[in-house]
Every structure is written in C-alpha cells, then in structure tokens.
PDB file of N, CA and C in Angstrom:
ATOM      1  N   UNK A   1     -68.681  10.078 -75.973  1.00  0.00           N
ATOM      2  CA  UNK A   1     -69.402   8.880 -75.589  1.00  0.00           C
ATOM      3  C   UNK A   1     -70.678   9.280 -74.860  1.00  0.00           C
ATOM      4  N   UNK A   2     -71.735   8.603 -75.188  1.00  0.00           N
ATOM      5  CA  UNK A   2     -73.023   8.820 -74.525  1.00  0.00           C
ATOM      6  C   UNK A   2     -73.237   7.683 -73.534  1.00  0.00           C
ATOM      7  N   UNK A   3     -72.965   7.901 -72.239  1.00  0.00           N
ATOM      8  CA  UNK A   3     -73.078   6.820 -71.268  1.00  0.00           C
ATOM      9  C   UNK A   3     -74.527   6.463 -70.955  1.00  0.00           C
ATOM     10  N   UNK A   4     -75.040   5.505 -71.674  1.00  0.00           N
ATOM     11  CA  UNK A   4     -76.425   5.079 -71.457  1.00  0.00           C
ATOM     12  C   UNK A   4     -76.513   3.571 -71.617  1.00  0.00           C
ATOM     13  N   UNK A   5     -77.526   2.997 -71.025  1.00  0.00           N
ATOM     14  CA  UNK A   5     -77.751   1.558 -71.147  1.00  0.00           C
ATOM     15  C   UNK A   5     -78.444   1.306 -72.478  1.00  0.00           C
ATOM     16  N   UNK A   6     -77.894   0.379 -73.260  1.00  0.00           N
ATOM     17  CA  UNK A   6     -78.482   0.091 -74.566  1.00  0.00           C
ATOM     18  C   UNK A   6     -79.156  -1.278 -74.622  1.00  0.00           C
ATOM     19  N   UNK A   7     -78.736  -2.198 -73.743  1.00  0.00           N
ATOM     20  CA  UNK A   7     -79.313  -3.542 -73.744  1.00  0.00           C
ATOM     21  C   UNK A   7     -79.500  -4.007 -72.300  1.00  0.00           C
ATOM     22  N   UNK A   8     -80.668  -4.546 -72.020  1.00  0.00           N
ATOM     23  CA  UNK A   8     -80.910  -5.249 -70.765  1.00  0.00           C
ATOM     24  C   UNK A   8     -81.040  -6.721 -71.133  1.00  0.00           C
ATOM     25  N   UNK A   9     -80.195  -7.554 -70.533  1.00  0.00           N
ATOM     26  CA  UNK A   9     -80.207  -8.984 -70.824  1.00  0.00           C
ATOM     27  C   UNK A   9     -80.757  -9.737 -69.626  1.00  0.00           C
ATOM     28  N   UNK A  10     -81.734 -10.587 -69.894  1.00  0.00           N
ATOM     29  CA  UNK A  10     -82.276 -11.461 -68.863  1.00  0.00           C
ATOM     30  C   UNK A  10     -81.711 -12.858 -69.066  1.00  0.00           C
ATOM     31  N   UNK A  11     -81.113 -13.418 -68.025  1.00  0.00           N
ATOM     32  CA  UNK A  11     -80.651 -14.796 -68.073  1.00  0.00           C
ATOM     33  C   UNK A  11     -81.840 -15.711 -67.875  1.00  0.00           C
ATOM     34  N   UNK A  12     -82.007 -16.659 -68.769  1.00  0.00           N
ATOM     35  CA  UNK A  12     -83.168 -17.558 -68.713  1.00  0.00           C
ATOM     36  C   UNK A  12     -82.704 -19.016 -68.734  1.00  0.00           C
ATOM     37  N   UNK A  13     -83.524 -19.879 -68.191  1.00  0.00           N
ATOM     38  CA  UNK A  13     -83.210 -21.308 -68.197  1.00  0.00           C
ATOM     39  C   UNK A  13     -83.745 -22.009 -69.449  1.00  0.00           C
ATOM     40  N   UNK A  14     -84.812 -21.491 -70.034  1.00  0.00           N
ATOM     41  CA  UNK A  14     -85.424 -22.115 -71.211  1.00  0.00           C
ATOM     42  C   UNK A  14     -85.678 -21.020 -72.241  1.00  0.00           C
ATOM     43  N   UNK A  15     -84.795 -20.915 -73.217  1.00  0.00           N
ATOM     44  CA  UNK A  15     -84.860 -19.827 -74.187  1.00  0.00           C
ATOM     45  C   UNK A  15     -86.146 -19.880 -75.028  1.00  0.00           C
ATOM     46  N   UNK A  16     -86.532 -21.046 -75.489  1.00  0.00           N
ATOM     47  CA  UNK A  16     -87.737 -21.154 -76.326  1.00  0.00           C
ATOM     48  C   UNK A  16     -89.001 -20.780 -75.550  1.00  0.00           C
ATOM     49  N   UNK A  17     -89.074 -21.221 -74.326  1.00  0.00           N
ATOM     50  CA  UNK A  17     -90.248 -20.901 -73.495  1.00  0.00           C
ATOM     51  C   UNK A  17     -90.291 -19.400 -73.180  1.00  0.00           C
ATOM     52  N   UNK A  18     -89.144 -18.829 -72.894  1.00  0.00           N
ATOM     53  CA  UNK A  18     -89.071 -17.392 -72.607  1.00  0.00           C
ATOM     54  C   UNK A  18     -89.424 -16.574 -73.842  1.00  0.00           C
ATOM     55  N   UNK A  19     -88.949 -17.003 -75.002  1.00  0.00           N
ATOM     56  CA  UNK A  19     -89.294 -16.344 -76.264  1.00  0.00           C
ATOM     57  C   UNK A  19     -90.810 -16.352 -76.447  1.00  0.00           C
ATOM     58  N   UNK A  20     -91.434 -17.493 -76.230  1.00  0.00           N
ATOM     59  CA  UNK A  20     -92.882 -17.596 -76.403  1.00  0.00           C
ATOM     60  C   UNK A  20     -93.618 -16.637 -75.471  1.00  0.00           C
ATOM     61  N   UNK A  21     -93.148 -16.481 -74.233  1.00  0.00           N
ATOM     62  CA  UNK A  21     -93.806 -15.583 -73.285  1.00  0.00           C
ATOM     63  C   UNK A  21     -93.793 -14.145 -73.803  1.00  0.00           C
ATOM     64  N   UNK A  22     -92.634 -13.649 -74.206  1.00  0.00           N
ATOM     65  CA  UNK A  22     -92.526 -12.253 -74.629  1.00  0.00           C
ATOM     66  C   UNK A  22     -93.130 -12.017 -76.019  1.00  0.00           C
ATOM     67  N   UNK A  23     -92.969 -12.987 -76.924  1.00  0.00           N
ATOM     68  CA  UNK A  23     -93.491 -12.826 -78.286  1.00  0.00           C
ATOM     69  C   UNK A  23     -94.988 -13.089 -78.356  1.00  0.00           C
ATOM     70  N   UNK A  24     -95.419 -14.217 -77.851  1.00  0.00           N
ATOM     71  CA  UNK A  24     -96.834 -14.595 -77.949  1.00  0.00           C
ATOM     72  C   UNK A  24     -97.673 -13.972 -76.834  1.00  0.00           C
ATOM     73  N   UNK A  25     -97.128 -13.960 -75.630  1.00  0.00           N
ATOM     74  CA  UNK A  25     -97.870 -13.439 -74.487  1.00  0.00           C
ATOM     75  C   UNK A  25     -97.978 -11.925 -74.465  1.00  0.00           C
ATOM     76  N   UNK A  26     -96.868 -11.247 -74.768  1.00  0.00           N
ATOM     77  CA  UNK A  26     -96.866  -9.779 -74.729  1.00  0.00           C
ATOM     78  C   UNK A  26     -96.960  -9.144 -76.113  1.00  0.00           C
ATOM     79  N   UNK A  27     -96.790  -9.949 -77.152  1.00  0.00           N
ATOM     80  CA  UNK A  27     -96.898  -9.429 -78.510  1.00  0.00           C
ATOM     81  C   UNK A  27     -95.685  -8.641 -78.985  1.00  0.00           C
ATOM     82  N   UNK A  28     -94.541  -8.819 -78.328  1.00  0.00           N
ATOM     83  CA  UNK A  28     -93.337  -8.091 -78.728  1.00  0.00           C
ATOM     84  C   UNK A  28     -92.732  -8.722 -79.976  1.00  0.00           C
ATOM     85  N   UNK A  29     -92.237  -7.890 -80.867  1.00  0.00           N
ATOM     86  CA  UNK A  29     -91.676  -8.368 -82.139  1.00  0.00           C
ATOM     87  C   UNK A  29     -90.203  -8.717 -82.004  1.00  0.00           C
ATOM     88  N   UNK A  30     -89.821  -9.780 -82.711  1.00  0.00           N
ATOM     89  CA  UNK A  30     -88.443 -10.262 -82.680  1.00  0.00           C
ATOM     90  C   UNK A  30     -88.175 -11.070 -83.939  1.00  0.00           C
ATOM     91  N   UNK A  31     -86.913 -11.244 -84.243  1.00  0.00           N
ATOM     92  CA  UNK A  31     -86.515 -12.148 -85.326  1.00  0.00           C
ATOM     93  C   UNK A  31     -86.386 -13.579 -84.808  1.00  0.00           C
ATOM     94  N   UNK A  32     -86.690 -13.785 -83.536  1.00  0.00           N
ATOM     95  CA  UNK A  32     -86.609 -15.111 -82.936  1.00  0.00           C
ATOM     96  C   UNK A  32     -85.212 -15.399 -82.419  1.00  0.00           C
ATOM     97  N   UNK A  33     -84.925 -16.662 -82.268  1.00  0.00           N
ATOM     98  CA  UNK A  33     -83.623 -17.078 -81.747  1.00  0.00           C
ATOM     99  C   UNK A  33     -82.591 -16.967 -82.857  1.00  0.00           C
ATOM    100  N   UNK A  34     -81.517 -16.246 -82.577  1.00  0.00           N
ATOM    101  CA  UNK A  34     -80.416 -16.133 -83.529  1.00  0.00           C
ATOM    102  C   UNK A  34     -79.149 -16.668 -82.867  1.00  0.00           C
ATOM    103  N   UNK A  35     -78.158 -16.989 -83.664  1.00  0.00           N
ATOM    104  CA  UNK A  35     -76.866 -17.417 -83.150  1.00  0.00           C
ATOM    105  C   UNK A  35     -76.791 -18.853 -82.688  1.00  0.00           C
ATOM    106  N   UNK A  36     -77.782 -19.658 -83.041  1.00  0.00           N
ATOM    107  CA  UNK A  36     -77.795 -21.053 -82.586  1.00  0.00           C
ATOM    108  C   UNK A  36     -76.646 -21.871 -83.163  1.00  0.00           C
ATOM    109  N   UNK A  37     -76.032 -21.384 -84.242  1.00  0.00           N
ATOM    110  CA  UNK A  37     -74.930 -22.125 -84.853  1.00  0.00           C
ATOM    111  C   UNK A  37     -73.627 -22.007 -84.060  1.00  0.00           C
ATOM    112  N   UNK A  38     -73.608 -21.109 -83.068  1.00  0.00           N
ATOM    113  CA  UNK A  38     -72.424 -20.905 -82.250  1.00  0.00           C
ATOM    114  C   UNK A  38     -72.641 -21.481 -80.855  1.00  0.00           C
ATOM    115  N   UNK A  39     -71.613 -22.108 -80.311  1.00  0.00           N
ATOM    116  CA  UNK A  39     -71.709 -22.599 -78.939  1.00  0.00           C
ATOM    117  C   UNK A  39     -71.943 -21.417 -78.008  1.00  0.00           C
ATOM    118  N   UNK A  40     -72.953 -21.482 -77.204  1.00  0.00           N
ATOM    119  CA  UNK A  40     -73.343 -20.425 -76.259  1.00  0.00           C
ATOM    120  C   UNK A  40     -73.746 -19.128 -76.972  1.00  0.00           C
ATOM    121  N   UNK A  41     -74.137 -19.210 -78.255  1.00  0.00           N
ATOM    122  CA  UNK A  41     -74.467 -18.003 -78.997  1.00  0.00           C
ATOM    123  C   UNK A  41     -75.948 -17.719 -79.156  1.00  0.00           C
ATOM    124  N   UNK A  42     -76.798 -18.682 -78.844  1.00  0.00           N
ATOM    125  CA  UNK A  42     -78.237 -18.504 -79.040  1.00  0.00           C
ATOM    126  C   UNK A  42     -78.763 -17.390 -78.139  1.00  0.00           C
ATOM    127  N   UNK A  43     -79.456 -16.431 -78.750  1.00  0.00           N
ATOM    128  CA  UNK A  43     -79.972 -15.268 -78.023  1.00  0.00           C
ATOM    129  C   UNK A  43     -81.200 -14.750 -78.756  1.00  0.00           C
ATOM    130  N   UNK A  44     -82.055 -14.053 -78.034  1.00  0.00           N
ATOM    131  CA  UNK A  44     -83.236 -13.411 -78.613  1.00  0.00           C
ATOM    132  C   UNK A  44     -83.157 -11.922 -78.278  1.00  0.00           C
ATOM    133  N   UNK A  45     -83.445 -11.072 -79.262  1.00  0.00           N
ATOM    134  CA  UNK A  45     -83.477  -9.627 -79.037  1.00  0.00           C
ATOM    135  C   UNK A  45     -84.870  -9.080 -79.350  1.00  0.00           C
ATOM    136  N   UNK A  46     -85.322  -8.155 -78.521  1.00  0.00           N
ATOM    137  CA  UNK A  46     -86.550  -7.399 -78.753  1.00  0.00           C
ATOM    138  C   UNK A  46     -86.175  -5.927 -78.753  1.00  0.00           C
ATOM    139  N   UNK A  47     -86.596  -5.181 -79.764  1.00  0.00           N
ATOM    140  CA  UNK A  47     -86.382  -3.737 -79.777  1.00  0.00           C
ATOM    141  C   UNK A  47     -87.606  -3.090 -79.135  1.00  0.00           C
ATOM    142  N   UNK A  48     -87.373  -2.386 -78.050  1.00  0.00           N
ATOM    143  CA  UNK A  48     -88.467  -1.737 -77.326  1.00  0.00           C
ATOM    144  C   UNK A  48     -88.711  -0.343 -77.898  1.00  0.00           C
ATOM    145  N   UNK A  49     -89.896   0.216 -77.700  1.00  0.00           N
ATOM    146  CA  UNK A  49     -90.232   1.522 -78.284  1.00  0.00           C
ATOM    147  C   UNK A  49     -89.236   2.634 -77.940  1.00  0.00           C
ATOM    148  N   UNK A  50     -88.593   2.552 -76.787  1.00  0.00           N
ATOM    149  CA  UNK A  50     -87.646   3.587 -76.363  1.00  0.00           C
ATOM    150  C   UNK A  50     -86.311   3.500 -77.103  1.00  0.00           C
ATOM    151  N   UNK A  51     -86.109   2.428 -77.881  1.00  0.00           N
ATOM    152  CA  UNK A  51     -84.833   2.202 -78.541  1.00  0.00           C
ATOM    153  C   UNK A  51     -83.948   1.239 -77.755  1.00  0.00           C
ATOM    154  N   UNK A  52     -84.297   1.016 -76.522  1.00  0.00           N
ATOM    155  CA  UNK A  52     -83.607   0.041 -75.685  1.00  0.00           C
ATOM    156  C   UNK A  52     -83.887  -1.354 -76.228  1.00  0.00           C
ATOM    157  N   UNK A  53     -82.952  -2.246 -76.055  1.00  0.00           N
ATOM    158  CA  UNK A  53     -83.161  -3.633 -76.473  1.00  0.00           C
ATOM    159  C   UNK A  53     -83.217  -4.535 -75.250  1.00  0.00           C
ATOM    160  N   UNK A  54     -84.119  -5.508 -75.319  1.00  0.00           N
ATOM    161  CA  UNK A  54     -84.193  -6.543 -74.309  1.00  0.00           C
ATOM    162  C   UNK A  54     -83.645  -7.806 -74.951  1.00  0.00           C
ATOM    163  N   UNK A  55     -82.696  -8.448 -74.277  1.00  0.00           N
ATOM    164  CA  UNK A  55     -82.128  -9.703 -74.777  1.00  0.00           C
ATOM    165  C   UNK A  55     -82.470 -10.816 -73.803  1.00  0.00           C
ATOM    166  N   UNK A  56     -82.731 -11.991 -74.340  1.00  0.00           N
ATOM    167  CA  UNK A  56     -82.898 -13.208 -73.558  1.00  0.00           C
ATOM    168  C   UNK A  56     -81.732 -14.110 -73.922  1.00  0.00           C
ATOM    169  N   UNK A  57     -80.968 -14.524 -72.912  1.00  0.00           N
ATOM    170  CA  UNK A  57     -79.778 -15.330 -73.156  1.00  0.00           C
ATOM    171  C   UNK A  57     -79.730 -16.428 -72.109  1.00  0.00           C
ATOM    172  N   UNK A  58     -79.510 -17.663 -72.491  1.00  0.00           N
ATOM    173  CA  UNK A  58     -79.478 -18.744 -71.503  1.00  0.00           C
ATOM    174  C   UNK A  58     -78.448 -18.489 -70.402  1.00  0.00           C
ATOM    175  N   UNK A  59     -78.846 -18.754 -69.178  1.00  0.00           N
ATOM    176  CA  UNK A  59     -77.955 -18.556 -68.027  1.00  0.00           C
ATOM    177  C   UNK A  59     -76.666 -19.355 -68.185  1.00  0.00           C
ATOM    178  N   UNK A  60     -76.756 -20.563 -68.754  1.00  0.00           N
ATOM    179  CA  UNK A  60     -75.546 -21.376 -68.920  1.00  0.00           C
ATOM    180  C   UNK A  60     -74.592 -20.721 -69.917  1.00  0.00           C
ATOM    181  N   UNK A  61     -75.117 -20.010 -70.898  1.00  0.00           N
ATOM    182  CA  UNK A  61     -74.265 -19.303 -71.854  1.00  0.00           C
ATOM    183  C   UNK A  61     -73.604 -18.083 -71.217  1.00  0.00           C
ATOM    184  N   UNK A  62     -74.353 -17.389 -70.374  1.00  0.00           N
ATOM    185  CA  UNK A  62     -73.782 -16.241 -69.667  1.00  0.00           C
ATOM    186  C   UNK A  62     -72.662 -16.720 -68.749  1.00  0.00           C
ATOM    187  N   UNK A  63     -72.906 -17.808 -68.029  1.00  0.00           N
ATOM    188  CA  UNK A  63     -71.883 -18.344 -67.130  1.00  0.00           C
ATOM    189  C   UNK A  63     -70.636 -18.749 -67.907  1.00  0.00           C
ATOM    190  N   UNK A  64     -70.822 -19.354 -69.081  1.00  0.00           N
ATOM    191  CA  UNK A  64     -69.674 -19.738 -69.910  1.00  0.00           C
ATOM    192  C   UNK A  64     -68.893 -18.502 -70.348  1.00  0.00           C
ATOM    193  N   UNK A  65     -69.594 -17.456 -70.738  1.00  0.00           N
ATOM    194  CA  UNK A  65     -68.947 -16.207 -71.146  1.00  0.00           C
ATOM    195  C   UNK A  65     -68.167 -15.592 -69.978  1.00  0.00           C
ATOM    196  N   UNK A  66     -68.723 -15.716 -68.769  1.00  0.00           N
ATOM    197  CA  UNK A  66     -68.076 -15.165 -67.579  1.00  0.00           C
ATOM    198  C   UNK A  66     -66.989 -16.082 -67.032  1.00  0.00           C
ATOM    199  N   UNK A  67     -66.957 -17.335 -67.487  1.00  0.00           N
ATOM    200  CA  UNK A  67     -65.968 -18.286 -67.017  1.00  0.00           C
ATOM    201  C   UNK A  67     -66.232 -18.792 -65.608  1.00  0.00           C
ATOM    202  N   UNK A  68     -67.512 -18.900 -65.256  1.00  0.00           N
ATOM    203  CA  UNK A  68     -67.879 -19.367 -63.920  1.00  0.00           C
ATOM    204  C   UNK A  68     -68.913 -20.484 -64.038  1.00  0.00           C
ATOM    205  N   UNK A  69     -69.104 -21.213 -62.952  1.00  0.00           N
ATOM    206  CA  UNK A  69     -70.119 -22.255 -62.896  1.00  0.00           C
ATOM    207  C   UNK A  69     -71.500 -21.609 -62.874  1.00  0.00           C
ATOM    208  N   UNK A  70     -72.432 -22.152 -63.630  1.00  0.00           N
ATOM    209  CA  UNK A  70     -73.767 -21.560 -63.740  1.00  0.00           C
ATOM    210  C   UNK A  70     -74.468 -21.473 -62.390  1.00  0.00           C
ATOM    211  N   UNK A  71     -74.215 -22.414 -61.501  1.00  0.00           N
ATOM    212  CA  UNK A  71     -74.858 -22.396 -60.190  1.00  0.00           C
ATOM    213  C   UNK A  71     -74.343 -21.257 -59.316  1.00  0.00           C
ATOM    214  N   UNK A  72     -73.143 -20.773 -59.589  1.00  0.00           N
ATOM    215  CA  UNK A  72     -72.548 -19.721 -58.770  1.00  0.00           C
ATOM    216  C   UNK A  72     -72.646 -18.350 -59.420  1.00  0.00           C
ATOM    217  N   UNK A  73     -73.085 -18.285 -60.645  1.00  0.00           N
ATOM    218  CA  UNK A  73     -73.103 -17.019 -61.380  1.00  0.00           C
ATOM    219  C   UNK A  73     -74.325 -16.178 -61.020  1.00  0.00           C
ATOM    220  N   UNK A  74     -74.086 -14.909 -60.813  1.00  0.00           N
ATOM    221  CA  UNK A  74     -75.190 -13.962 -60.634  1.00  0.00           C
ATOM    222  C   UNK A  74     -75.519 -13.441 -62.022  1.00  0.00           C
ATOM    223  N   UNK A  75     -76.302 -14.196 -62.764  1.00  0.00           N
ATOM    224  CA  UNK A  75     -76.491 -13.871 -64.180  1.00  0.00           C
ATOM    225  C   UNK A  75     -77.952 -13.820 -64.591  1.00  0.00           C
ATOM    226  N   UNK A  76     -78.784 -13.337 -63.726  1.00  0.00           N
ATOM    227  CA  UNK A  76     -80.188 -13.209 -64.081  1.00  0.00           C
ATOM    228  C   UNK A  76     -80.465 -11.929 -64.859  1.00  0.00           C
ATOM    229  N   UNK A  77     -79.687 -10.857 -64.589  1.00  0.00           N
ATOM    230  CA  UNK A  77     -79.872  -9.581 -65.288  1.00  0.00           C
ATOM    231  C   UNK A  77     -78.509  -8.970 -65.564  1.00  0.00           C
ATOM    232  N   UNK A  78     -78.292  -8.556 -66.809  1.00  0.00           N
ATOM    233  CA  UNK A  78     -77.071  -7.856 -67.194  1.00  0.00           C
ATOM    234  C   UNK A  78     -77.454  -6.540 -67.849  1.00  0.00           C
ATOM    235  N   UNK A  79     -76.757  -5.469 -67.520  1.00  0.00           N
ATOM    236  CA  UNK A  79     -76.959  -4.169 -68.153  1.00  0.00           C
ATOM    237  C   UNK A  79     -75.760  -3.904 -69.047  1.00  0.00           C
ATOM    238  N   UNK A  80     -75.998  -3.461 -70.279  1.00  0.00           N
ATOM    239  CA  UNK A  80     -74.908  -3.258 -71.233  1.00  0.00           C
ATOM    240  C   UNK A  80     -74.940  -1.869 -71.839  1.00  0.00           C
ATOM    241  N   UNK A  81     -73.749  -1.388 -72.122  1.00  0.00           N
ATOM    242  CA  UNK A  81     -73.579  -0.141 -72.853  1.00  0.00           C
ATOM    243  C   UNK A  81     -72.746  -0.472 -74.077  1.00  0.00           C
ATOM    244  N   UNK A  82     -73.332  -0.384 -75.245  1.00  0.00           N
ATOM    245  CA  UNK A  82     -72.616  -0.694 -76.478  1.00  0.00           C
ATOM    246  C   UNK A  82     -71.969   0.575 -77.029  1.00  0.00           C
ATOM    247  N   UNK A  83     -70.761   0.426 -77.551  1.00  0.00           N
ATOM    248  CA  UNK A  83     -70.025   1.551 -78.124  1.00  0.00           C
ATOM    249  C   UNK A  83     -69.676   1.230 -79.565  1.00  0.00           C
ATOM    250  N   UNK A  84     -69.345   2.236 -80.344  1.00  0.00           N
ATOM    251  CA  UNK A  84     -69.075   2.031 -81.763  1.00  0.00           C
ATOM    252  C   UNK A  84     -67.648   1.591 -82.041  1.00  0.00           C
ATOM    253  N   UNK A  85     -66.723   1.809 -81.104  1.00  0.00           N
ATOM    254  CA  UNK A  85     -65.338   1.367 -81.317  1.00  0.00           C
ATOM    255  C   UNK A  85     -64.647   1.173 -79.979  1.00  0.00           C
ATOM    256  N   UNK A  86     -63.501   0.499 -79.986  1.00  0.00           N
ATOM    257  CA  UNK A  86     -62.732   0.289 -78.768  1.00  0.00           C
ATOM    258  C   UNK A  86     -62.277   1.609 -78.154  1.00  0.00           C
ATOM    259  N   UNK A  87     -61.865   2.515 -78.991  1.00  0.00           N
ATOM    260  CA  UNK A  87     -61.349   3.793 -78.478  1.00  0.00           C
ATOM    261  C   UNK A  87     -62.459   4.613 -77.861  1.00  0.00           C
TER     262      UNK A  87
END
C-alpha cells in the first residue's frame, strides 16, 4: 500500500457556484457535476497536475454520509486515500 492522499474534498454550500469559480475563474478542467441522479451523490472532480484530485461535494451530502446534522458536521475539508481493494 502506498499511503498517500489521493483526493482533497471541499464541502460547499452551492455546488454550481463553486464549480463556476474553479472552472471559469481558475480555468481548471472537469466533466462538471456528476452523480446528480443519486441522493447526495452530486459531486465535481478536478484532476490537478500532480495527479491529486480536488472534489467539491455539498456539505449537506457529506453530513448525510457521516450520519450527522449539517450544522454540527466538521465537513469543510476531507482528505482521502483511495485503495484498489478492501484487503
């Protein structure tokens, strides 16, 4: 296992507005909002030059995933390490 951070997720209140800032304002490339067909699934990914990914995910969706109230959740930034299998 290579213990490294692969995704930095920013919790946002307005996904479309945040997408516009990073895509239009900074010129970062993305496929846009994906996963809108799933409850709490809408997310935006940007692949950064280092290979790291930046994700934008609504704070209310993060709170739902964590099983906590959005007002009480510390969900502005999440660091993730993705692995290829459970083992």
